[in-house]
Amino acid sequence: MNDETIESYKDRSVWMRGLYMLVFMFFLGVAKFVTFVVILFQFLTVLFTAETNNKLIIFGQNLSTYQYEIMLFLTYNSEEQPFPIGDWPDKPS
């Protein structure tokens, strides 16, 4: 082992990132469940009213963006932390 490897084990920021990653993996699971509920509700709305719910479309898009932001953080493609530490992705209607 070289000195850089040994030092990374002692680096508190690495451990904090790991903790945040665990928390965001949990949030990703919750977001996937909420996405399933949105999909089901939107389908039932279209089935019974023959129209889509525009608020659900916007929320679904924001929820998808949120999941994408979590994946970017988890795969080290971004250092920006998603909601609730960062901002909620809000696409204007």
C-alpha atoms as a PDB file:
ATOM      1  CA  MET A   1       0.000   0.000   0.000  1.00  0.00           C
ATOM      2  CA  ASN A   2       1.193   3.458  -0.758  1.00  0.00           C
ATOM      3  CA  ASP A   3       0.842   6.501   1.469  1.00  0.00           C
ATOM      4  CA  GLU A   4      -2.047   7.959  -0.567  1.00  0.00           C
ATOM      5  CA  THR A   5      -4.157   4.824  -0.031  1.00  0.00           C
ATOM      6  CA  ILE A   6      -3.478   4.792   3.683  1.00  0.00           C
ATOM      7  CA  GLU A   7      -4.377   8.462   3.977  1.00  0.00           C
ATOM      8  CA  SER A   8      -7.719   8.017   2.169  1.00  0.00           C
ATOM      9  CA  TYR A   9      -8.854   5.631   4.923  1.00  0.00           C
ATOM     10  CA  LYS A  10      -8.195   8.340   7.482  1.00  0.00           C
ATOM     11  CA  ASP A  11      -9.883  11.112   5.493  1.00  0.00           C
ATOM     12  CA  ARG A  12     -13.114  12.100   7.223  1.00  0.00           C
ATOM     13  CA  SER A  13     -14.603  13.527   3.990  1.00  0.00           C
ATOM     14  CA  VAL A  14     -14.425  10.070   2.367  1.00  0.00           C
ATOM     15  CA  TRP A  15     -16.385   8.562   5.257  1.00  0.00           C
ATOM     16  CA  MET A  16     -18.917  11.414   5.213  1.00  0.00           C
ATOM     17  CA  ARG A  17     -19.439  10.898   1.479  1.00  0.00           C
ATOM     18  CA  GLY A  18     -20.040   7.200   2.183  1.00  0.00           C
ATOM     19  CA  LEU A  19     -22.640   8.091   4.794  1.00  0.00           C
ATOM     20  CA  TYR A  20     -24.354  10.499   2.390  1.00  0.00           C
ATOM     21  CA  MET A  21     -24.296   7.798  -0.289  1.00  0.00           C
ATOM     22  CA  LEU A  22     -26.141   5.393   2.021  1.00  0.00           C
ATOM     23  CA  VAL A  23     -28.732   8.043   2.837  1.00  0.00           C
ATOM     24  CA  PHE A  24     -29.243   8.890  -0.839  1.00  0.00           C
ATOM     25  CA  MET A  25     -29.594   5.193  -1.730  1.00  0.00           C
ATOM     26  CA  PHE A  26     -32.494   5.088   0.739  1.00  0.00           C
ATOM     27  CA  PHE A  27     -33.996   8.244  -0.799  1.00  0.00           C
ATOM     28  CA  LEU A  28     -33.621   6.678  -4.252  1.00  0.00           C
ATOM     29  CA  GLY A  29     -35.681   3.703  -3.095  1.00  0.00           C
ATOM     30  CA  VAL A  30     -38.372   5.999  -1.727  1.00  0.00           C
ATOM     31  CA  ALA A  31     -38.354   8.041  -4.947  1.00  0.00           C
ATOM     32  CA  LYS A  32     -38.789   4.881  -7.022  1.00  0.00           C
ATOM     33  CA  PHE A  33     -41.798   3.884  -4.919  1.00  0.00           C
ATOM     34  CA  VAL A  34     -43.329   7.362  -5.285  1.00  0.00           C
ATOM     35  CA  THR A  35     -42.696   7.153  -9.039  1.00  0.00           C
ATOM     36  CA  PHE A  36     -44.641   3.895  -9.130  1.00  0.00           C
ATOM     37  CA  VAL A  37     -47.549   5.581  -7.314  1.00  0.00           C
ATOM     38  CA  VAL A  38     -47.462   8.522  -9.762  1.00  0.00           C
ATOM     39  CA  ILE A  39     -47.454   6.112 -12.721  1.00  0.00           C
ATOM     40  CA  LEU A  40     -50.397   4.169 -11.327  1.00  0.00           C
ATOM     41  CA  PHE A  41     -52.372   7.311 -10.473  1.00  0.00           C
ATOM     42  CA  GLN A  42     -51.705   8.873 -13.873  1.00  0.00           C
ATOM     43  CA  PHE A  43     -52.821   5.665 -15.595  1.00  0.00           C
ATOM     44  CA  LEU A  44     -56.030   5.555 -13.578  1.00  0.00           C
ATOM     45  CA  THR A  45     -56.644   9.243 -14.304  1.00  0.00           C
ATOM     46  CA  VAL A  46     -56.308   8.652 -18.043  1.00  0.00           C
ATOM     47  CA  LEU A  47     -58.390   5.492 -17.823  1.00  0.00           C
ATOM     48  CA  PHE A  48     -61.336   7.199 -16.139  1.00  0.00           C
ATOM     49  CA  THR A  49     -61.140  10.760 -17.491  1.00  0.00           C
ATOM     50  CA  ALA A  50     -59.315  10.295 -20.827  1.00  0.00           C
ATOM     51  CA  GLU A  51     -57.046  13.232 -19.857  1.00  0.00           C
ATOM     52  CA  THR A  52     -53.624  13.465 -18.243  1.00  0.00           C
ATOM     53  CA  ASN A  53     -53.050  15.323 -15.017  1.00  0.00           C
ATOM     54  CA  ASN A  54     -50.602  18.134 -15.880  1.00  0.00           C
ATOM     55  CA  LYS A  55     -49.474  18.561 -12.282  1.00  0.00           C
ATOM     56  CA  LEU A  56     -48.555  14.881 -12.155  1.00  0.00           C
ATOM     57  CA  ILE A  57     -46.633  15.209 -15.417  1.00  0.00           C
ATOM     58  CA  ILE A  58     -44.535  18.045 -13.973  1.00  0.00           C
ATOM     59  CA  PHE A  59     -44.062  16.236 -10.653  1.00  0.00           C
ATOM     60  CA  GLY A  60     -43.082  13.047 -12.495  1.00  0.00           C
ATOM     61  CA  GLN A  61     -40.504  14.941 -14.519  1.00  0.00           C
ATOM     62  CA  ASN A  62     -39.078  16.581 -11.383  1.00  0.00           C
ATOM     63  CA  LEU A  63     -39.029  13.206  -9.638  1.00  0.00           C
ATOM     64  CA  SER A  64     -37.178  11.648 -12.573  1.00  0.00           C
ATOM     65  CA  THR A  65     -34.642  14.477 -12.531  1.00  0.00           C
ATOM     66  CA  TYR A  66     -34.212  13.967  -8.789  1.00  0.00           C
ATOM     67  CA  GLN A  67     -33.458  10.280  -9.311  1.00  0.00           C
ATOM     68  CA  TYR A  68     -30.979  11.205 -12.029  1.00  0.00           C
ATOM     69  CA  GLU A  69     -29.243  13.670  -9.699  1.00  0.00           C
ATOM     70  CA  ILE A  70     -28.982  10.980  -7.019  1.00  0.00           C
ATOM     71  CA  MET A  71     -27.434   8.562  -9.512  1.00  0.00           C
ATOM     72  CA  LEU A  72     -24.919  11.213 -10.602  1.00  0.00           C
ATOM     73  CA  PHE A  73     -23.910  11.713  -6.974  1.00  0.00           C
ATOM     74  CA  LEU A  74     -23.717   7.989  -6.204  1.00  0.00           C
ATOM     75  CA  THR A  75     -21.533   7.275  -9.235  1.00  0.00           C
ATOM     76  CA  TYR A  76     -19.131  10.160  -8.444  1.00  0.00           C
ATOM     77  CA  ASN A  77     -20.182  12.061 -11.575  1.00  0.00           C
ATOM     78  CA  SER A  78     -21.265  14.987  -9.423  1.00  0.00           C
ATOM     79  CA  GLU A  79     -20.199  16.430  -6.100  1.00  0.00           C
ATOM     80  CA  GLU A  80     -23.472  18.356  -5.774  1.00  0.00           C
ATOM     81  CA  GLN A  81     -25.702  16.721  -3.201  1.00  0.00           C
ATOM     82  CA  PRO A  82     -29.343  16.244  -4.210  1.00  0.00           C
ATOM     83  CA  PHE A  83     -32.416  17.217  -2.193  1.00  0.00           C
ATOM     84  CA  PRO A  84     -32.842  17.460   0.852  1.00  0.00           C
ATOM     85  CA  ILE A  85     -29.321  18.868   1.168  1.00  0.00           C
ATOM     86  CA  GLY A  86     -29.433  20.516  -2.262  1.00  0.00           C
ATOM     87  CA  ASP A  87     -32.361  22.075  -4.045  1.00  0.00           C
ATOM     88  CA  TRP A  88     -35.361  20.134  -5.343  1.00  0.00           C
ATOM     89  CA  PRO A  89     -35.282  19.993  -9.159  1.00  0.00           C
ATOM     90  CA  ASP A  90     -38.116  22.292 -10.151  1.00  0.00           C
ATOM     91  CA  LYS A  91     -39.045  22.436 -13.796  1.00  0.00           C
ATOM     92  CA  PRO A  92     -41.396  25.355 -14.426  1.00  0.00           C
ATOM     93  CA  SER A  93     -44.832  24.446 -15.724  1.00  0.00           C
END
